[in-house]
């Protein structure tokens, strides 16, 4: 058996290095931190992600899964914004690679996503137009007709 300078067998040194590498891999695993930030102009809108309230904008929250999320912003005096936001999966989260990124890689990976929205002031509909629309819906309901949704013109 070949000996090192201190008289230790080579085989036991290799085992010690393997055990040390295994200990480092298990005691200091990396992880992936996913965070989305939602901002609005003007700030202060109530933000919902997948119908769960997360707070007033600007707000940040952690998330676990990628894909399409339903984001909704509600603020008095402004139109409610509902959007489907896609969060694509990064390369290090594909199967097999994700095991190494989550468990073996010794460093933290940060995935920060930011979404910005411009809120549009709510349009005030005159009472006369609102009453006309209500009467129209009432009359068409009696006749069994359906009326398409009333759409406001886009802001200029």
Protein backbone atom coordinates (compact mmCIF):
# COMPACT_ATOMS: atom_id res chain seq x y z
CA UNK A 1 0.00 0.00 0.00
CA UNK A 2 1.37 3.41 -0.99
CA UNK A 3 1.92 5.86 1.90
CA UNK A 4 1.82 9.67 1.96
CA UNK A 5 4.49 11.78 3.65
CA UNK A 6 2.69 11.57 7.03
CA UNK A 7 2.31 7.85 6.89
CA UNK A 8 -1.43 7.85 5.95
CA UNK A 9 -2.55 5.44 3.28
CA UNK A 10 -3.71 7.06 -0.01
CA UNK A 11 -7.00 5.22 0.21
CA UNK A 12 -8.02 6.81 3.54
CA UNK A 13 -7.09 10.30 2.25
CA UNK A 14 -9.34 9.82 -0.78
CA UNK A 15 -12.15 8.74 1.51
CA UNK A 16 -11.65 11.76 3.73
CA UNK A 17 -11.80 14.09 0.74
CA UNK A 18 -14.97 12.37 -0.50
CA UNK A 19 -16.60 12.69 2.92
CA UNK A 20 -15.55 16.34 3.15
CA UNK A 21 -17.00 17.07 -0.33
CA UNK A 22 -20.24 15.31 0.63
CA UNK A 23 -20.46 17.29 3.89
CA UNK A 24 -19.96 20.59 2.05
CA UNK A 25 -22.58 19.64 -0.53
CA UNK A 26 -25.17 18.76 2.12
CA UNK A 27 -24.43 21.47 4.67
CA UNK A 28 -24.19 24.41 2.27
CA UNK A 29 -26.67 23.74 -0.53
CA UNK A 30 -27.70 26.59 -2.75
CA UNK A 31 -31.23 27.57 -3.46
CA UNK A 32 -33.31 29.55 -5.90
CA UNK A 33 -35.10 32.65 -4.58
CA UNK A 34 -37.98 33.75 -6.81
CA UNK A 35 -39.50 37.18 -6.26
CA UNK A 36 -41.94 39.28 -8.26
CA UNK A 37 -42.33 43.03 -7.81
CA UNK A 38 -45.51 44.79 -8.94
CA UNK A 39 -45.41 48.55 -9.44
CA UNK A 40 -48.11 50.94 -10.58
CA UNK A 41 -48.25 54.53 -11.71
CA UNK A 42 -49.67 56.07 -9.52
CA UNK A 43 -48.64 53.86 -6.58
CA UNK A 44 -51.01 52.70 -3.87
CA UNK A 45 -53.19 50.25 -5.81
CA UNK A 46 -54.26 47.02 -4.12
CA UNK A 47 -52.46 44.17 -5.92
CA UNK A 48 -53.84 40.65 -6.33
CA UNK A 49 -51.92 37.66 -7.69
CA UNK A 50 -54.13 34.74 -8.71
CA UNK A 51 -57.00 36.32 -6.72
CA UNK A 52 -54.90 36.53 -3.52
CA UNK A 53 -54.32 40.02 -2.11
CA UNK A 54 -50.61 40.74 -1.61
CA UNK A 55 -50.64 44.43 -0.64
CA UNK A 56 -50.36 47.99 -1.93
CA UNK A 57 -48.09 48.81 -4.86
CA UNK A 58 -45.16 48.87 -5.05
CA UNK A 59 -45.19 45.39 -3.52
CA UNK A 60 -42.99 42.32 -3.79
CA UNK A 61 -43.80 38.71 -3.04
CA UNK A 62 -42.09 35.37 -3.41
CA UNK A 63 -43.41 32.75 -5.79
CA UNK A 64 -42.70 29.08 -6.36
CA UNK A 65 -44.01 28.18 -9.80
CA UNK A 66 -43.48 29.70 -13.22
CA UNK A 67 -46.19 30.08 -15.84
CA UNK A 68 -49.03 32.50 -16.47
CA UNK A 69 -50.33 34.40 -13.45
CA UNK A 70 -53.43 36.56 -13.11
CA UNK A 71 -52.46 40.02 -11.84
CA UNK A 72 -55.09 42.54 -10.82
CA UNK A 73 -54.73 46.13 -9.57
CA UNK A 74 -57.59 48.03 -7.92
CA UNK A 75 -57.47 51.71 -6.92
CA UNK A 76 -60.27 54.18 -6.21
CA UNK A 77 -60.73 56.65 -9.07
CA UNK A 78 -58.92 54.40 -11.58
CA UNK A 79 -59.99 51.61 -13.91
CA UNK A 80 -59.33 48.14 -12.51
CA UNK A 81 -56.48 46.46 -14.39
CA UNK A 82 -56.56 42.70 -14.91
CA UNK A 83 -53.70 41.11 -16.85
CA UNK A 84 -52.37 37.65 -17.54
CA UNK A 85 -48.61 37.87 -17.01
CA UNK A 86 -46.36 35.10 -18.26
CA UNK A 87 -43.27 34.22 -16.22
CA UNK A 88 -41.15 31.98 -18.45
CA UNK A 89 -39.09 29.23 -16.87
CA UNK A 90 -35.34 29.98 -16.84
CA UNK A 91 -32.86 27.39 -18.11
CA UNK A 92 -31.72 26.35 -14.63
CA UNK A 93 -35.25 25.27 -13.66
CA UNK A 94 -35.70 22.60 -16.33
CA UNK A 95 -35.85 18.98 -15.13
CA UNK A 96 -32.48 17.50 -14.10
CA UNK A 97 -30.83 20.95 -14.07
CA UNK A 98 -33.24 22.10 -11.35
CA UNK A 99 -31.99 19.37 -9.01
CA UNK A 100 -28.46 20.77 -9.21
CA UNK A 101 -29.63 24.41 -8.92
CA UNK A 102 -31.78 23.66 -5.87
CA UNK A 103 -29.60 21.11 -4.04
CA UNK A 104 -26.01 20.92 -5.22
CA UNK A 105 -25.05 24.39 -6.45
CA UNK A 106 -23.38 26.04 -3.43
CA UNK A 107 -24.58 29.58 -4.20
CA UNK A 108 -27.96 31.28 -4.04
CA UNK A 109 -29.66 32.05 -7.36
CA UNK A 110 -31.97 35.08 -7.35
CA UNK A 111 -34.74 35.33 -9.91
CA UNK A 112 -36.25 38.83 -9.72
CA UNK A 113 -39.25 39.67 -11.93
CA UNK A 114 -40.78 43.16 -12.13
CA UNK A 115 -44.11 44.12 -13.65
CA UNK A 116 -45.14 47.75 -14.21
CA UNK A 117 -48.66 49.06 -14.84
CA UNK A 118 -49.98 52.51 -15.77
CA UNK A 119 -53.41 53.04 -14.23
CA UNK A 120 -56.00 54.90 -16.31
CA UNK A 121 -58.31 57.38 -14.54
CA UNK A 122 -61.86 56.13 -14.29
CA UNK A 123 -64.25 57.71 -16.76
CA UNK A 124 -67.30 59.34 -15.20
CA UNK A 125 -70.45 58.46 -17.12
CA UNK A 126 -73.15 61.14 -16.99
CA UNK A 127 -76.29 60.08 -15.11
CA UNK A 128 -78.45 60.52 -18.22
CA UNK A 129 -76.35 58.02 -20.22
CA UNK A 130 -76.29 55.60 -17.31
CA UNK A 131 -80.09 55.75 -16.98
CA UNK A 132 -80.50 55.30 -20.76
CA UNK A 133 -78.28 52.23 -20.62
CA UNK A 134 -80.24 50.81 -17.68
CA UNK A 135 -83.55 51.36 -19.46
CA UNK A 136 -82.17 49.73 -22.62
CA UNK A 137 -81.06 46.68 -20.66
CA UNK A 138 -84.42 46.48 -18.89
CA UNK A 139 -86.38 46.65 -22.16
CA UNK A 140 -84.18 44.07 -23.89
CA UNK A 141 -84.48 41.78 -20.89
CA UNK A 142 -88.27 41.87 -21.12
CA UNK A 143 -88.03 40.99 -24.82
CA UNK A 144 -85.52 38.16 -24.24
CA UNK A 145 -82.64 39.82 -26.10
CA UNK A 146 -79.10 39.96 -24.89
CA UNK A 147 -77.19 43.20 -25.10
CA UNK A 148 -73.42 43.34 -25.57
CA UNK A 149 -71.33 44.83 -22.79
CA UNK A 150 -71.15 48.60 -22.78
CA UNK A 151 -67.63 49.60 -23.65
CA UNK A 152 -66.13 52.99 -22.97
CA UNK A 153 -63.92 54.56 -25.59
CA UNK A 154 -60.17 54.14 -24.96
CA UNK A 155 -58.44 57.08 -23.24
CA UNK A 156 -56.61 59.49 -25.46
